[in-house]
Amino acid sequence: MRTGFLPGDDLEAIGLAAFGQNVQIDATARFYGAERITIGSDVRIDAYCVISAGAEGIAIGDHVHIAAFVFMAGSRRIGIGDFAGISARSSIYSSNDDYSGAALTGPTVPDELRKIESSPVTVGRHVIVGNGSVLLPGVTLGEGAAVGALSIVKRDVPPFAIVAGPDGRQIGERRRDLLELERRVGH
């Protein structure tokens, strides 16, 4: 098995809709619906990530880091803004089965027997998502928001808010120094 980041020819072979310069993708990362995935410049996708694009695709901005074992999937659009970071073992879902018992669950069941909630997910610029967090369908994380490790985010997070825990409640506000620091990157 090949290890490390893929060389340019192998990046082309993934079949992405588009990708920028200085893109580092670990050889163990997996892409499904690659023709509906765009990746900006200066992006790093670490080992064992699974990125599965539904009909509306996945768009990853510039200067983004997606750490090991991140999972992204769903039928609706998932957007990751510039300078965002998704920590290891985090999951982003733009579709989710109904858990009430009113329908069957799982992809092996006929669609007419399932009830699936689908809604776009947006991770804004300068957002950081902590290790092991879960973002559910319909969530928008505003610019500069921070999600603490092991959090579940079921509703929108305002810009520069810090949220944490199983209910994703706001526990603070993030500084905005990073907006000035961005200028030094020349973006």
Foldseek 3Di string as FASTA:
>chain_A
DDFFWDDPVVVVVLQACEEEEQETETPQEEEAPRVQEYYYYLEYEDHPEYAYEAPNGEYEYHNEYEEYQEYEDENHYEYAEANEYEYYQEYEYQKDWDPPPQADDDPVDDPVRTDMHGAYEYEYALEYEAANEYEYHPEYEEACEYEYHNEYDDYYHYHQFYFYDPDRDTDGGHDDVVVVVVVVVVD
